[in-house]
Amino acid sequence: MRGFFGLVFITPVFFSYAVFSAPLNPVDRNDIQQRQAEVIDQSRQQRDSLLQLNQPQATVNPGGVSDAGQCFSIKDIHYRVMRPIS
């Protein structure tokens, strides 16, 4: 019930703010849109640079065999009971 009375008190305040606010002229609107576009472009550039940093660098070995020997893909690993060595 207290929430209802608080809402009844706050609602006219927001309504009067929305009704009596001055409309934007085209110059201000264009300025705001330009700033928003700049922020979006900057965010996009930051995201792209972070994605480039997080991508693993693939190195290609021309011989197909690494210096340590041939590579194998591992599909499953099974653990057995291990006892401490004393």
Protein backbone atom coordinates (compact mmCIF):
# COMPACT_ATOMS: atom_id res chain seq x y z
CA MET A 1 0.00 0.00 0.00
CA ARG A 2 2.87 2.38 0.78
CA GLY A 3 4.32 1.69 -2.66
CA PHE A 4 1.08 2.77 -4.28
CA PHE A 5 1.09 6.14 -2.52
CA GLY A 6 4.73 6.66 -3.46
CA LEU A 7 3.90 5.89 -7.07
CA VAL A 8 0.95 8.29 -7.00
CA PHE A 9 3.28 11.03 -5.72
CA ILE A 10 6.16 10.37 -8.16
CA THR A 11 4.12 9.85 -11.35
CA PRO A 12 3.00 13.51 -11.73
CA VAL A 13 6.59 14.65 -11.30
CA PHE A 14 7.78 12.52 -14.23
CA PHE A 15 4.73 13.42 -16.29
CA SER A 16 5.25 17.15 -15.80
CA TYR A 17 8.93 16.81 -16.74
CA ALA A 18 8.04 15.03 -19.99
CA VAL A 19 5.28 17.48 -20.89
CA PHE A 20 7.14 20.69 -20.16
CA SER A 21 10.56 19.75 -21.52
CA ALA A 22 11.73 21.83 -24.46
CA PRO A 23 11.84 20.11 -27.86
CA LEU A 24 15.23 19.76 -29.50
CA ASN A 25 16.01 21.86 -32.51
CA PRO A 26 17.52 20.13 -35.58
CA VAL A 27 21.04 21.38 -34.83
CA ASP A 28 21.03 19.91 -31.33
CA ARG A 29 19.48 16.68 -32.60
CA ASN A 30 22.19 16.33 -35.28
CA ASP A 31 24.90 17.07 -32.72
CA ILE A 32 23.57 14.38 -30.39
CA GLN A 33 23.30 11.86 -33.24
CA GLN A 34 26.87 12.64 -34.32
CA ARG A 35 28.18 12.12 -30.78
CA GLN A 36 26.30 8.85 -30.50
CA ALA A 37 27.73 7.68 -33.83
CA GLU A 38 31.24 8.57 -32.66
CA VAL A 39 30.76 6.63 -29.43
CA ILE A 40 29.43 3.63 -31.37
CA ASP A 41 32.39 3.74 -33.78
CA GLN A 42 34.86 4.01 -30.91
CA SER A 43 33.21 1.06 -29.14
CA ARG A 44 33.30 -0.96 -32.35
CA GLN A 45 37.02 -0.23 -32.81
CA GLN A 46 37.76 -1.22 -29.22
CA ARG A 47 35.79 -4.44 -29.62
CA ASP A 48 37.60 -5.31 -32.85
CA SER A 49 41.01 -4.65 -31.30
CA LEU A 50 40.13 -6.83 -28.29
CA LEU A 51 38.93 -9.61 -30.58
CA GLN A 52 42.23 -9.46 -32.47
CA LEU A 53 44.16 -9.73 -29.21
CA ASN A 54 42.16 -12.76 -28.08
CA GLN A 55 42.50 -14.74 -31.30
CA PRO A 56 45.28 -17.34 -31.20
CA GLN A 57 48.07 -16.75 -33.65
CA ALA A 58 48.29 -19.72 -36.00
CA THR A 59 51.80 -20.58 -37.09
CA VAL A 60 52.23 -22.68 -40.18
CA ASN A 61 55.11 -25.11 -40.32
CA PRO A 62 56.01 -25.71 -43.98
CA GLY A 63 57.19 -29.27 -43.37
CA GLY A 64 54.01 -30.30 -41.61
CA VAL A 65 56.01 -31.75 -38.71
CA SER A 66 56.94 -29.76 -35.64
CA ASP A 67 60.45 -29.57 -34.28
CA ALA A 68 59.50 -31.84 -31.38
CA GLY A 69 58.01 -34.53 -33.62
CA GLN A 70 54.67 -35.45 -35.04
CA CYS A 71 51.52 -34.09 -33.36
CA PHE A 72 48.51 -36.20 -32.47
CA SER A 73 45.02 -35.13 -31.55
CA ILE A 74 43.80 -36.37 -28.17
CA LYS A 75 40.14 -37.31 -27.91
CA ASP A 76 39.84 -39.03 -24.52
CA ILE A 77 41.90 -39.10 -21.35
CA HIS A 78 41.35 -41.91 -18.87
CA TYR A 79 42.77 -41.69 -15.34
CA ARG A 80 43.74 -44.72 -13.31
CA VAL A 81 44.10 -44.97 -9.56
CA MET A 82 47.35 -43.28 -8.68
CA ARG A 83 49.40 -44.14 -5.63
CA PRO A 84 52.00 -41.84 -4.15
CA ILE A 85 55.58 -42.88 -4.74
CA SER A 86 57.49 -43.33 -1.50
